[in-house]
C-alpha atoms as a PDB file:
ATOM      1  CA  MET A   1     175.511 -39.568  61.846  1.00  0.00           C
ATOM      2  CA  GLN A   2     172.282 -41.713  61.693  1.00  0.00           C
ATOM      3  CA  GLU A   3     172.264 -44.316  58.996  1.00  0.00           C
ATOM      4  CA  MET A   4     169.128 -43.809  57.021  1.00  0.00           C
ATOM      5  CA  THR A   5     169.709 -46.603  53.943  1.00  0.00           C
ATOM      6  CA  GLY A   6     166.562 -48.417  55.033  1.00  0.00           C
ATOM      7  CA  LYS A   7     168.763 -51.552  55.387  1.00  0.00           C
ATOM      8  CA  PRO A   8     167.669 -54.243  57.119  1.00  0.00           C
ATOM      9  CA  TYR A   9     171.385 -54.041  58.874  1.00  0.00           C
ATOM     10  CA  ALA A  10     170.649 -50.176  59.370  1.00  0.00           C
ATOM     11  CA  SER A  11     172.473 -49.789  62.477  1.00  0.00           C
ATOM     12  CA  THR A  12     171.091 -48.095  65.502  1.00  0.00           C
ATOM     13  CA  VAL A  13     173.600 -48.154  67.528  1.00  0.00           C
ATOM     14  CA  THR A  14     174.997 -44.821  69.463  1.00  0.00           C
ATOM     15  CA  ALA A  15     178.422 -43.580  71.210  1.00  0.00           C
ATOM     16  CA  VAL A  16     179.671 -40.788  73.472  1.00  0.00           C
ATOM     17  CA  GLU A  17     182.386 -38.799  71.746  1.00  0.00           C
ATOM     18  CA  GLN A  18     185.059 -37.235  72.860  1.00  0.00           C
ATOM     19  CA  ASN A  19     183.046 -33.916  74.071  1.00  0.00           C
ATOM     20  CA  GLY A  20     180.766 -36.139  75.445  1.00  0.00           C
ATOM     21  CA  GLN A  21     178.010 -35.671  72.967  1.00  0.00           C
ATOM     22  CA  ASP A  22     176.195 -39.201  72.196  1.00  0.00           C
ATOM     23  CA  VAL A  23     175.828 -39.387  68.557  1.00  0.00           C
ATOM     24  CA  HIS A  24     174.663 -41.873  66.241  1.00  0.00           C
ATOM     25  CA  VAL A  25     176.955 -44.462  64.469  1.00  0.00           C
ATOM     26  CA  MET A  26     176.277 -45.896  61.455  1.00  0.00           C
ATOM     27  CA  HIS A  27     178.201 -47.790  58.612  1.00  0.00           C
ATOM     28  CA  ALA A  28     179.662 -44.909  56.836  1.00  0.00           C
ATOM     29  CA  CYS A  29     182.678 -44.842  54.394  1.00  0.00           C
ATOM     30  CA  GLY A  30     182.828 -48.833  54.256  1.00  0.00           C
ATOM     31  CA  HIS A  31     184.482 -49.626  57.836  1.00  0.00           C
ATOM     32  CA  ASP A  32     182.563 -52.708  58.676  1.00  0.00           C
ATOM     33  CA  VAL A  33     183.323 -54.183  55.005  1.00  0.00           C
ATOM     34  CA  HIS A  34     187.331 -53.551  55.576  1.00  0.00           C
ATOM     35  CA  MET A  35     187.527 -55.265  58.742  1.00  0.00           C
ATOM     36  CA  THR A  36     185.457 -58.014  57.148  1.00  0.00           C
ATOM     37  CA  VAL A  37     187.751 -58.410  53.965  1.00  0.00           C
ATOM     38  CA  PHE A  38     190.578 -57.965  56.842  1.00  0.00           C
ATOM     39  CA  VAL A  39     188.980 -60.804  58.642  1.00  0.00           C
ATOM     40  CA  GLY A  40     187.979 -62.840  55.584  1.00  0.00           C
ATOM     41  CA  THR A  41     191.920 -62.427  54.205  1.00  0.00           C
ATOM     42  CA  ALA A  42     193.256 -63.475  57.350  1.00  0.00           C
ATOM     43  CA  ARG A  43     191.112 -67.023  57.006  1.00  0.00           C
ATOM     44  CA  ARG A  44     191.998 -67.716  53.283  1.00  0.00           C
ATOM     45  CA  LEU A  45     195.751 -66.875  53.533  1.00  0.00           C
ATOM     46  CA  ALA A  46     195.619 -69.251  56.892  1.00  0.00           C
ATOM     47  CA  ALA A  47     194.027 -71.557  54.955  1.00  0.00           C
ATOM     48  CA  MET A  48     196.361 -71.138  52.113  1.00  0.00           C
ATOM     49  CA  LYS A  49     199.970 -71.376  53.720  1.00  0.00           C
ATOM     50  CA  ASP A  50     201.246 -74.200  51.443  1.00  0.00           C
ATOM     51  CA  GLN A  51     201.004 -71.674  48.587  1.00  0.00           C
ATOM     52  CA  TRP A  52     202.992 -69.189  50.401  1.00  0.00           C
ATOM     53  CA  SER A  53     205.952 -68.232  52.354  1.00  0.00           C
ATOM     54  CA  GLY A  54     206.959 -65.081  53.985  1.00  0.00           C
ATOM     55  CA  THR A  55     205.956 -62.994  56.779  1.00  0.00           C
ATOM     56  CA  LEU A  56     202.198 -61.611  57.119  1.00  0.00           C
ATOM     57  CA  VAL A  57     201.316 -58.351  59.248  1.00  0.00           C
ATOM     58  CA  MET A  58     198.262 -57.450  59.169  1.00  0.00           C
ATOM     59  CA  ILE A  59     197.467 -53.680  61.020  1.00  0.00           C
ATOM     60  CA  GLY A  60     194.216 -53.225  62.298  1.00  0.00           C
ATOM     61  CA  GLN A  61     194.436 -49.656  62.896  1.00  0.00           C
ATOM     62  CA  PRO A  62     191.456 -47.343  64.230  1.00  0.00           C
ATOM     63  CA  ALA A  63     191.596 -43.987  64.511  1.00  0.00           C
ATOM     64  CA  GLU A  64     191.574 -43.567  60.569  1.00  0.00           C
ATOM     65  CA  GLU A  65     188.858 -40.742  60.382  1.00  0.00           C
ATOM     66  CA  ARG A  66     191.326 -38.811  62.490  1.00  0.00           C
ATOM     67  CA  GLY A  67     193.682 -38.894  60.465  1.00  0.00           C
ATOM     68  CA  ALA A  68     195.601 -39.904  64.116  1.00  0.00           C
ATOM     69  CA  GLY A  69     195.818 -43.652  63.813  1.00  0.00           C
ATOM     70  CA  ALA A  70     198.555 -44.395  61.610  1.00  0.00           C
ATOM     71  CA  LYS A  71     200.665 -41.699  63.379  1.00  0.00           C
ATOM     72  CA  ALA A  72     200.271 -43.097  66.942  1.00  0.00           C
ATOM     73  CA  MET A  73     200.845 -46.754  65.559  1.00  0.00           C
ATOM     74  CA  ILE A  74     204.145 -46.280  64.036  1.00  0.00           C
ATOM     75  CA  SER A  75     204.990 -43.709  66.997  1.00  0.00           C
ATOM     76  CA  ASP A  76     204.135 -46.439  69.395  1.00  0.00           C
ATOM     77  CA  GLY A  77     207.001 -48.709  67.430  1.00  0.00           C
ATOM     78  CA  LEU A  78     205.195 -50.424  65.047  1.00  0.00           C
ATOM     79  CA  PHE A  79     207.533 -51.080  62.903  1.00  0.00           C
ATOM     80  CA  GLN A  80     210.336 -52.171  66.004  1.00  0.00           C
ATOM     81  CA  ARG A  81     207.988 -53.958  67.667  1.00  0.00           C
ATOM     82  CA  PHE A  82     207.133 -56.177  64.602  1.00  0.00           C
ATOM     83  CA  PRO A  83     209.201 -57.149  60.893  1.00  0.00           C
ATOM     84  CA  LEU A  84     209.043 -54.083  58.867  1.00  0.00           C
ATOM     85  CA  PRO A  85     207.190 -55.660  55.721  1.00  0.00           C
ATOM     86  CA  ASP A  86     208.792 -55.201  52.292  1.00  0.00           C
ATOM     87  CA  TYR A  87     205.678 -53.939  50.673  1.00  0.00           C
ATOM     88  CA  ASN A  88     202.003 -52.581  51.827  1.00  0.00           C
ATOM     89  CA  ILE A  89     198.824 -52.773  50.729  1.00  0.00           C
ATOM     90  CA  ALA A  90     195.339 -51.233  51.319  1.00  0.00           C
ATOM     91  CA  LEU A  91     191.891 -51.366  50.011  1.00  0.00           C
ATOM     92  CA  HIS A  92     188.866 -48.759  50.344  1.00  0.00           C
ATOM     93  CA  VAL A  93     185.881 -49.047  49.481  1.00  0.00           C
ATOM     94  CA  SER A  94     184.281 -46.590  46.832  1.00  0.00           C
ATOM     95  CA  SER A  95     180.866 -44.806  46.575  1.00  0.00           C
ATOM     96  CA  SER A  96     181.252 -44.506  42.799  1.00  0.00           C
ATOM     97  CA  LEU A  97     182.482 -47.774  41.184  1.00  0.00           C
ATOM     98  CA  GLU A  98     180.368 -50.988  40.903  1.00  0.00           C
ATOM     99  CA  ALA A  99     180.276 -54.116  42.905  1.00  0.00           C
ATOM    100  CA  GLY A 100     183.236 -56.756  42.303  1.00  0.00           C
ATOM    101  CA  ARG A 101     185.072 -54.312  40.614  1.00  0.00           C
ATOM    102  CA  ILE A 102     188.782 -52.953  41.290  1.00  0.00           C
ATOM    103  CA  ALA A 103     190.393 -49.354  40.631  1.00  0.00           C
ATOM    104  CA  TYR A 104     193.743 -48.367  41.057  1.00  0.00           C
ATOM    105  CA  VAL A 105     196.127 -45.890  40.668  1.00  0.00           C
ATOM    106  CA  PRO A 106     199.666 -45.308  40.399  1.00  0.00           C
ATOM    107  CA  GLY A 107     201.340 -42.337  41.997  1.00  0.00           C
ATOM    108  CA  PHE A 108     199.542 -39.508  43.951  1.00  0.00           C
ATOM    109  CA  ALA A 109     196.504 -41.569  44.538  1.00  0.00           C
ATOM    110  CA  LEU A 110     194.995 -39.844  48.056  1.00  0.00           C
ATOM    111  CA  ALA A 111     195.908 -36.064  49.149  1.00  0.00           C
ATOM    112  CA  ASN A 112     197.425 -34.083  51.909  1.00  0.00           C
ATOM    113  CA  VAL A 113     194.713 -32.763  54.856  1.00  0.00           C
ATOM    114  CA  ASP A 114     195.561 -30.402  56.691  1.00  0.00           C
ATOM    115  CA  SER A 115     192.640 -28.517  59.075  1.00  0.00           C
ATOM    116  CA  VAL A 116     193.044 -24.740  59.751  1.00  0.00           C
ATOM    117  CA  ASP A 117     191.342 -22.571  62.508  1.00  0.00           C
ATOM    118  CA  ILE A 118     191.372 -18.713  61.320  1.00  0.00           C
ATOM    119  CA  THR A 119     190.179 -16.479  64.042  1.00  0.00           C
ATOM    120  CA  VAL A 120     189.143 -12.853  62.608  1.00  0.00           C
ATOM    121  CA  LYS A 121     189.827  -9.713  65.036  1.00  0.00           C
ATOM    122  CA  GLY A 122     187.885  -6.686  65.038  1.00  0.00           C
ATOM    123  CA  VAL A 123     186.610  -3.814  66.951  1.00  0.00           C
ATOM    124  CA  GLY A 124     182.882  -4.173  67.704  1.00  0.00           C
ATOM    125  CA  GLY A 125     179.987  -2.139  67.845  1.00  0.00           C
ATOM    126  CA  HIS A 126     176.299  -0.984  67.256  1.00  0.00           C
ATOM    127  CA  GLY A 127     175.047  -2.353  63.894  1.00  0.00           C
ATOM    128  CA  ALA A 128     173.793   1.674  63.291  1.00  0.00           C
ATOM    129  CA  TYR A 129     177.293   3.063  64.088  1.00  0.00           C
ATOM    130  CA  PRO A 130     179.420   0.877  61.956  1.00  0.00           C
ATOM    131  CA  HIS A 131     181.604   3.534  61.382  1.00  0.00           C
ATOM    132  CA  SER A 132     183.286   3.822  64.911  1.00  0.00           C
ATOM    133  CA  THR A 133     183.554  -0.211  63.992  1.00  0.00           C
ATOM    134  CA  LYS A 134     186.172  -2.665  62.642  1.00  0.00           C
ATOM    135  CA  ASP A 135     183.585  -5.273  61.495  1.00  0.00           C
ATOM    136  CA  PRO A 136     185.431  -8.844  61.196  1.00  0.00           C
ATOM    137  CA  ILE A 137     182.513 -10.097  59.193  1.00  0.00           C
ATOM    138  CA  VAL A 138     183.223  -8.390  56.310  1.00  0.00           C
ATOM    139  CA  LEU A 139     186.898  -8.652  57.177  1.00  0.00           C
ATOM    140  CA  ALA A 140     186.331 -12.789  57.015  1.00  0.00           C
ATOM    141  CA  SER A 141     184.103 -12.450  54.288  1.00  0.00           C
ATOM    142  CA  GLN A 142     186.814 -10.423  52.342  1.00  0.00           C
ATOM    143  CA  ILE A 143     189.751 -13.527  53.149  1.00  0.00           C
ATOM    144  CA  VAL A 144     187.382 -16.296  52.124  1.00  0.00           C
ATOM    145  CA  MET A 145     187.360 -14.022  48.236  1.00  0.00           C
ATOM    146  CA  GLY A 146     191.419 -13.598  49.292  1.00  0.00           C
ATOM    147  CA  LEU A 147     192.167 -17.373  49.794  1.00  0.00           C
ATOM    148  CA  GLN A 148     189.826 -18.062  46.752  1.00  0.00           C
ATOM    149  CA  THR A 149     192.927 -16.944  44.392  1.00  0.00           C
ATOM    150  CA  ILE A 150     195.500 -19.351  45.599  1.00  0.00           C
ATOM    151  CA  ALA A 151     194.633 -22.375  43.567  1.00  0.00           C
ATOM    152  CA  SER A 152     193.081 -19.915  40.605  1.00  0.00           C
ATOM    153  CA  ARG A 153     196.030 -17.897  40.552  1.00  0.00           C
ATOM    154  CA  GLU A 154     199.394 -18.580  42.467  1.00  0.00           C
ATOM    155  CA  VAL A 155     199.588 -22.369  42.069  1.00  0.00           C
ATOM    156  CA  ASN A 156     200.493 -23.759  38.999  1.00  0.00           C
ATOM    157  CA  PRO A 157     197.221 -24.850  37.224  1.00  0.00           C
ATOM    158  CA  GLN A 158     198.819 -28.634  36.831  1.00  0.00           C
ATOM    159  CA  ASP A 159     199.176 -29.055  40.762  1.00  0.00           C
ATOM    160  CA  SER A 160     196.145 -29.768  42.154  1.00  0.00           C
ATOM    161  CA  VAL A 161     195.090 -27.595  45.407  1.00  0.00           C
ATOM    162  CA  VAL A 162     192.071 -27.042  47.224  1.00  0.00           C
ATOM    163  CA  VAL A 163     191.160 -24.489  49.848  1.00  0.00           C
ATOM    164  CA  THR A 164     187.726 -25.261  50.834  1.00  0.00           C
ATOM    165  CA  VAL A 165     185.944 -22.410  54.198  1.00  0.00           C
ATOM    166  CA  GLY A 166     183.696 -25.224  55.216  1.00  0.00           C
ATOM    167  CA  SER A 167     182.821 -23.328  58.478  1.00  0.00           C
ATOM    168  CA  ILE A 168     182.202 -19.591  59.496  1.00  0.00           C
ATOM    169  CA  HIS A 169     180.819 -18.587  62.516  1.00  0.00           C
ATOM    170  CA  GLY A 170     179.967 -14.797  64.127  1.00  0.00           C
ATOM    171  CA  GLY A 171     177.701 -12.400  65.266  1.00  0.00           C
ATOM    172  CA  ALA A 172     174.969 -12.882  67.554  1.00  0.00           C
ATOM    173  CA  LYS A 173     172.213 -10.162  67.509  1.00  0.00           C
ATOM    174  CA  HIS A 174     170.900  -8.161  64.121  1.00  0.00           C
ATOM    175  CA  ASN A 175     172.039  -5.378  65.788  1.00  0.00           C
ATOM    176  CA  VAL A 176     175.804  -5.758  67.029  1.00  0.00           C
ATOM    177  CA  ILE A 177     178.343  -5.814  64.660  1.00  0.00           C
ATOM    178  CA  SER A 178     181.389  -8.626  66.720  1.00  0.00           C
ATOM    179  CA  ASP A 179     184.481  -8.325  67.697  1.00  0.00           C
ATOM    180  CA  GLN A 180     185.893 -11.962  66.308  1.00  0.00           C
ATOM    181  CA  VAL A 181     184.804 -14.706  63.292  1.00  0.00           C
ATOM    182  CA  LYS A 182     185.872 -18.093  63.782  1.00  0.00           C
ATOM    183  CA  MET A 183     186.216 -19.826  60.531  1.00  0.00           C
ATOM    184  CA  GLN A 184     187.541 -23.391  59.569  1.00  0.00           C
ATOM    185  CA  LEU A 185     189.377 -24.815  56.534  1.00  0.00           C
ATOM    186  CA  THR A 186     190.098 -27.912  54.638  1.00  0.00           C
ATOM    187  CA  VAL A 187     193.271 -27.878  52.534  1.00  0.00           C
ATOM    188  CA  ARG A 188     194.207 -30.102  49.988  1.00  0.00           C
ATOM    189  CA  SER A 189     197.601 -30.573  47.962  1.00  0.00           C
ATOM    190  CA  TYR A 190     199.437 -33.582  46.748  1.00  0.00           C
ATOM    191  CA  SER A 191     203.268 -32.587  47.630  1.00  0.00           C
ATOM    192  CA  ASP A 192     205.284 -31.631  50.612  1.00  0.00           C
ATOM    193  CA  GLU A 193     206.174 -28.047  48.680  1.00  0.00           C
ATOM    194  CA  THR A 194     202.722 -27.488  47.306  1.00  0.00           C
ATOM    195  CA  ARG A 195     201.421 -27.957  50.857  1.00  0.00           C
ATOM    196  CA  ALA A 196     203.977 -25.757  52.223  1.00  0.00           C
ATOM    197  CA  TYR A 197     203.193 -22.719  49.837  1.00  0.00           C
ATOM    198  CA  VAL A 198     199.825 -22.974  50.941  1.00  0.00           C
ATOM    199  CA  LEU A 199     199.363 -23.008  54.343  1.00  0.00           C
ATOM    200  CA  ASN A 200     202.202 -19.690  54.202  1.00  0.00           C
ATOM    201  CA  ALA A 201     199.734 -18.454  51.497  1.00  0.00           C
ATOM    202  CA  ILE A 202     196.950 -18.540  53.888  1.00  0.00           C
ATOM    203  CA  GLU A 203     198.325 -16.696  56.633  1.00  0.00           C
ATOM    204  CA  ARG A 204     199.593 -14.079  54.267  1.00  0.00           C
ATOM    205  CA  ILE A 205     196.348 -13.119  52.862  1.00  0.00           C
ATOM    206  CA  ALA A 206     194.785 -13.398  56.112  1.00  0.00           C
ATOM    207  CA  HIS A 207     197.306 -11.160  57.475  1.00  0.00           C
ATOM    208  CA  ASN A 208     197.903  -8.689  54.422  1.00  0.00           C
ATOM    209  CA  THR A 209     193.837  -8.558  54.093  1.00  0.00           C
ATOM    210  CA  ALA A 210     193.702  -7.492  57.956  1.00  0.00           C
ATOM    211  CA  ARG A 211     196.379  -4.895  57.439  1.00  0.00           C
ATOM    212  CA  ALA A 212     194.676  -3.526  54.312  1.00  0.00           C
ATOM    213  CA  PHE A 213     191.590  -3.181  56.649  1.00  0.00           C
ATOM    214  CA  GLY A 214     193.262  -1.027  58.715  1.00  0.00           C
ATOM    215  CA  LEU A 215     193.814  -3.281  61.764  1.00  0.00           C
ATOM    216  CA  PRO A 216     196.966  -3.443  64.259  1.00  0.00           C
ATOM    217  CA  ASP A 217     199.508  -5.832  64.454  1.00  0.00           C
ATOM    218  CA  ASP A 218     197.865  -7.125  67.864  1.00  0.00           C
ATOM    219  CA  LEU A 219     194.325  -7.757  66.045  1.00  0.00           C
ATOM    220  CA  LEU A 220     195.997  -9.525  63.006  1.00  0.00           C
ATOM    221  CA  PRO A 221     193.944 -13.182  62.269  1.00  0.00           C
ATOM    222  CA  VAL A 222     195.341 -16.069  64.590  1.00  0.00           C
ATOM    223  CA  VAL A 223     195.893 -18.945  61.517  1.00  0.00           C
ATOM    224  CA  GLU A 224     196.071 -22.305  63.275  1.00  0.00           C
ATOM    225  CA  VAL A 225     196.940 -25.449  61.296  1.00  0.00           C
ATOM    226  CA  LYS A 226     195.767 -28.422  63.179  1.00  0.00           C
ATOM    227  CA  ASP A 227     197.423 -30.937  64.346  1.00  0.00           C
ATOM    228  CA  GLU A 228     195.487 -33.412  62.889  1.00  0.00           C
ATOM    229  CA  TYR A 229     197.440 -33.422  59.211  1.00  0.00           C
ATOM    230  CA  THR A 230     197.055 -36.677  57.182  1.00  0.00           C
ATOM    231  CA  PRO A 231     200.003 -36.914  54.605  1.00  0.00           C
ATOM    232  CA  ALA A 232     199.383 -37.567  50.755  1.00  0.00           C
ATOM    233  CA  THR A 233     199.014 -41.383  49.706  1.00  0.00           C
ATOM    234  CA  TYR A 234     201.636 -42.175  46.577  1.00  0.00           C
ATOM    235  CA  ASN A 235     201.181 -45.897  44.983  1.00  0.00           C
ATOM    236  CA  ASP A 236     204.345 -47.009  44.202  1.00  0.00           C
ATOM    237  CA  PRO A 237     203.832 -47.035  40.373  1.00  0.00           C
ATOM    238  CA  GLN A 238     206.042 -50.415  39.969  1.00  0.00           C
ATOM    239  CA  LEU A 239     204.084 -52.162  42.695  1.00  0.00           C
ATOM    240  CA  THR A 240     201.056 -50.970  41.567  1.00  0.00           C
ATOM    241  CA  ASN A 241     201.222 -51.838  37.912  1.00  0.00           C
ATOM    242  CA  ARG A 242     202.719 -55.050  39.093  1.00  0.00           C
ATOM    243  CA  LEU A 243     199.165 -56.057  41.276  1.00  0.00           C
ATOM    244  CA  ALA A 244     196.980 -54.547  38.629  1.00  0.00           C
ATOM    245  CA  LYS A 245     198.317 -57.165  36.227  1.00  0.00           C
ATOM    246  CA  ALA A 246     198.086 -59.701  38.825  1.00  0.00           C
ATOM    247  CA  LEU A 247     194.705 -58.629  39.723  1.00  0.00           C
ATOM    248  CA  SER A 248     193.065 -58.352  36.380  1.00  0.00           C
ATOM    249  CA  ASP A 249     194.590 -61.821  35.263  1.00  0.00           C
ATOM    250  CA  HIS A 250     192.464 -63.135  38.343  1.00  0.00           C
ATOM    251  CA  LEU A 251     189.293 -60.783  38.661  1.00  0.00           C
ATOM    252  CA  GLY A 252     189.621 -60.730  34.582  1.00  0.00           C
ATOM    253  CA  ALA A 253     190.632 -57.093  32.804  1.00  0.00           C
ATOM    254  CA  GLU A 254     186.859 -55.653  32.547  1.00  0.00           C
ATOM    255  CA  ASN A 255     186.551 -55.823  36.911  1.00  0.00           C
ATOM    256  CA  VAL A 256     190.206 -54.342  36.832  1.00  0.00           C
ATOM    257  CA  VAL A 257     190.102 -50.745  35.733  1.00  0.00           C
ATOM    258  CA  LYS A 258     193.012 -47.575  36.245  1.00  0.00           C
ATOM    259  CA  SER A 259     191.442 -44.182  37.823  1.00  0.00           C
ATOM    260  CA  ASN A 260     192.455 -40.891  38.958  1.00  0.00           C
ATOM    261  CA  PRO A 261     193.221 -39.293  41.813  1.00  0.00           C
ATOM    262  CA  VAL A 262     191.345 -37.681  44.113  1.00  0.00           C
ATOM    263  CA  MET A 263     191.455 -34.850  46.793  1.00  0.00           C
ATOM    264  CA  GLY A 264     190.105 -37.005  49.852  1.00  0.00           C
ATOM    265  CA  GLY A 265     192.442 -38.477  52.625  1.00  0.00           C
ATOM    266  CA  GLU A 266     193.928 -41.568  53.665  1.00  0.00           C
ATOM    267  CA  ASP A 267     197.096 -41.967  56.846  1.00  0.00           C
ATOM    268  CA  PHE A 268     197.850 -45.470  55.376  1.00  0.00           C
ATOM    269  CA  GLY A 269     199.558 -42.342  53.273  1.00  0.00           C
ATOM    270  CA  ARG A 270     202.169 -42.739  56.228  1.00  0.00           C
ATOM    271  CA  TYR A 271     203.320 -45.841  55.984  1.00  0.00           C
ATOM    272  CA  GLY A 272     204.536 -44.768  52.640  1.00  0.00           C
ATOM    273  CA  ARG A 273     206.417 -42.499  54.248  1.00  0.00           C
ATOM    274  CA  GLU A 274     208.461 -45.167  56.048  1.00  0.00           C
ATOM    275  CA  GLY A 275     209.986 -46.006  53.306  1.00  0.00           C
ATOM    276  CA  ILE A 276     207.952 -49.242  52.432  1.00  0.00           C
ATOM    277  CA  PRO A 277     206.549 -49.347  48.859  1.00  0.00           C
ATOM    278  CA  SER A 278     202.809 -48.748  49.164  1.00  0.00           C
ATOM    279  CA  VAL A 279     199.495 -49.591  47.261  1.00  0.00           C
ATOM    280  CA  ILE A 280     195.852 -48.640  48.287  1.00  0.00           C
ATOM    281  CA  PHE A 281     193.155 -49.776  45.569  1.00  0.00           C
ATOM    282  CA  TRP A 282     189.324 -48.777  45.127  1.00  0.00           C
ATOM    283  CA  LEU A 283     187.484 -51.768  45.809  1.00  0.00           C
ATOM    284  CA  GLY A 284     183.641 -51.069  44.014  1.00  0.00           C
ATOM    285  CA  ALA A 285     180.258 -51.363  46.802  1.00  0.00           C
ATOM    286  CA  VAL A 286     177.957 -50.198  44.532  1.00  0.00           C
ATOM    287  CA  GLU A 287     175.051 -51.484  42.551  1.00  0.00           C
ATOM    288  CA  PRO A 288     176.238 -51.686  38.534  1.00  0.00           C
ATOM    289  CA  GLU A 289     172.432 -50.447  37.447  1.00  0.00           C
ATOM    290  CA  LYS A 290     172.765 -47.627  40.196  1.00  0.00           C
ATOM    291  CA  VAL A 291     176.332 -46.507  38.723  1.00  0.00           C
ATOM    292  CA  ALA A 292     174.541 -46.626  35.098  1.00  0.00           C
ATOM    293  CA  ALA A 293     172.121 -44.552  36.013  1.00  0.00           C
ATOM    294  CA  ALA A 294     174.427 -42.298  37.800  1.00  0.00           C
ATOM    295  CA  ARG A 295     176.521 -42.382  34.569  1.00  0.00           C
ATOM    296  CA  ARG A 296     173.267 -41.521  32.688  1.00  0.00           C
ATOM    297  CA  GLY A 297     172.364 -38.112  34.481  1.00  0.00           C
ATOM    298  CA  GLU A 298     169.344 -39.937  36.157  1.00  0.00           C
ATOM    299  CA  ILE A 299     170.363 -40.143  39.986  1.00  0.00           C
ATOM    300  CA  SER A 300     172.890 -39.268  41.993  1.00  0.00           C
ATOM    301  CA  LEU A 301     174.991 -41.507  44.364  1.00  0.00           C
ATOM    302  CA  PRO A 302     175.307 -41.056  48.040  1.00  0.00           C
ATOM    303  CA  SER A 303     179.031 -40.218  48.983  1.00  0.00           C
ATOM    304  CA  LEU A 304     180.945 -42.399  51.707  1.00  0.00           C
ATOM    305  CA  HIS A 305     180.003 -39.810  54.273  1.00  0.00           C
ATOM    306  CA  SER A 306     176.327 -39.681  53.751  1.00  0.00           C
ATOM    307  CA  PRO A 307     173.723 -41.198  56.128  1.00  0.00           C
ATOM    308  CA  TYR A 308     172.511 -42.732  52.864  1.00  0.00           C
ATOM    309  CA  PHE A 309     174.958 -44.588  51.780  1.00  0.00           C
ATOM    310  CA  ALA A 310     174.828 -48.452  51.546  1.00  0.00           C
ATOM    311  CA  PRO A 311     177.650 -50.888  50.148  1.00  0.00           C
ATOM    312  CA  LEU A 312     175.861 -53.708  48.554  1.00  0.00           C
ATOM    313  CA  PRO A 313     177.700 -56.316  50.799  1.00  0.00           C
ATOM    314  CA  GLU A 314     177.939 -59.653  49.421  1.00  0.00           C
ATOM    315  CA  PRO A 315     179.609 -58.609  46.128  1.00  0.00           C
ATOM    316  CA  THR A 316     181.823 -56.402  47.467  1.00  0.00           C
ATOM    317  CA  ILE A 317     183.310 -58.299  50.582  1.00  0.00           C
ATOM    318  CA  LYS A 318     184.134 -61.717  48.348  1.00  0.00           C
ATOM    319  CA  THR A 319     185.668 -59.431  45.735  1.00  0.00           C
ATOM    320  CA  GLY A 320     187.707 -57.629  48.259  1.00  0.00           C
ATOM    321  CA  VAL A 321     188.922 -60.796  49.752  1.00  0.00           C
ATOM    322  CA  ALA A 322     190.111 -62.046  46.509  1.00  0.00           C
ATOM    323  CA  ALA A 323     191.943 -59.315  45.381  1.00  0.00           C
ATOM    324  CA  MET A 324     193.401 -58.773  48.794  1.00  0.00           C
ATOM    325  CA  THR A 325     194.506 -62.552  49.087  1.00  0.00           C
ATOM    326  CA  HIS A 326     195.818 -62.527  45.586  1.00  0.00           C
ATOM    327  CA  ALA A 327     197.355 -59.525  46.180  1.00  0.00           C
ATOM    328  CA  ALA A 328     199.388 -60.766  49.656  1.00  0.00           C
ATOM    329  CA  VAL A 329     200.204 -64.545  47.407  1.00  0.00           C
ATOM    330  CA  THR A 330     201.728 -62.581  44.431  1.00  0.00           C
ATOM    331  CA  LEU A 331     203.803 -60.280  46.442  1.00  0.00           C
ATOM    332  CA  PHE A 332     204.873 -63.713  48.530  1.00  0.00           C
ATOM    333  CA  GLY A 333     206.201 -65.539  45.236  1.00  0.00           C
ATOM    334  CA  GLY A 334     202.768 -67.205  44.946  1.00  0.00           C
ATOM    335  CA  GLU A 335     200.837 -68.701  41.990  1.00  0.00           C
END
């Protein structure tokens, strides 16, 4: 993604993707802030060694955006090769919270994330003779509409679910009915049970809509759940509330606020799946006046993955280092 913030530090770097495509690299989603806080926290804790005792393990994990980094490190023996921690803590910048503030969410904080590919098959032909075809574009449209009923009619309204069709492509000419359509979905949920139900429902709706369309079993849609699954992030409530109290005392009660779960995803959730109490905090990164203007409806704030996302560096980093350092010292039993 090409950075369009206009900031003096705006990235002009390009890189080569896995598919060989040249791409722009920008300061999106706060990864540069995260690593700066990471280094700053390590330095501060090293300088404060007389104030705490224990074993500190700092994990510099790659590939979060693809949901693969934590999985790869755990599979590589992270918790066998290094001490198994009593607690995991992390933070992530927020595109809607003022710089200088921290937000916390007890319980589910971020969602399961699944990517699903659907290949809708049909019988192609000339656009002037649709009666002699089985139009996969029409079928795909019906499937898209059917998928909307999963969240609205099948899942308990109090159990959050998102099924978004982010990409749909079929056909290449005005007057040609194609023989297939490709669809890409993102699916979000919190509990493992709901995740399994929704993924099964997607396949059921796709297959049975195709059957109602008159297609034989050998032309039913192919539904593929991709391997890049990211599990939900569950913040241990007791640990979360303990650290929220400590941070509130340290940073000021007005700077530590309770927030709501979101349907975004973080592979930090995998560490909690190892049976280790975990918590991830939100780190405010936006100019306070911009947040105030957004709340008045005067402006829209860029999202984390927007080319216009520009965290306010100094107060964001300082707050992140102060919060992570104090959280670690608190868990080590220091003051």
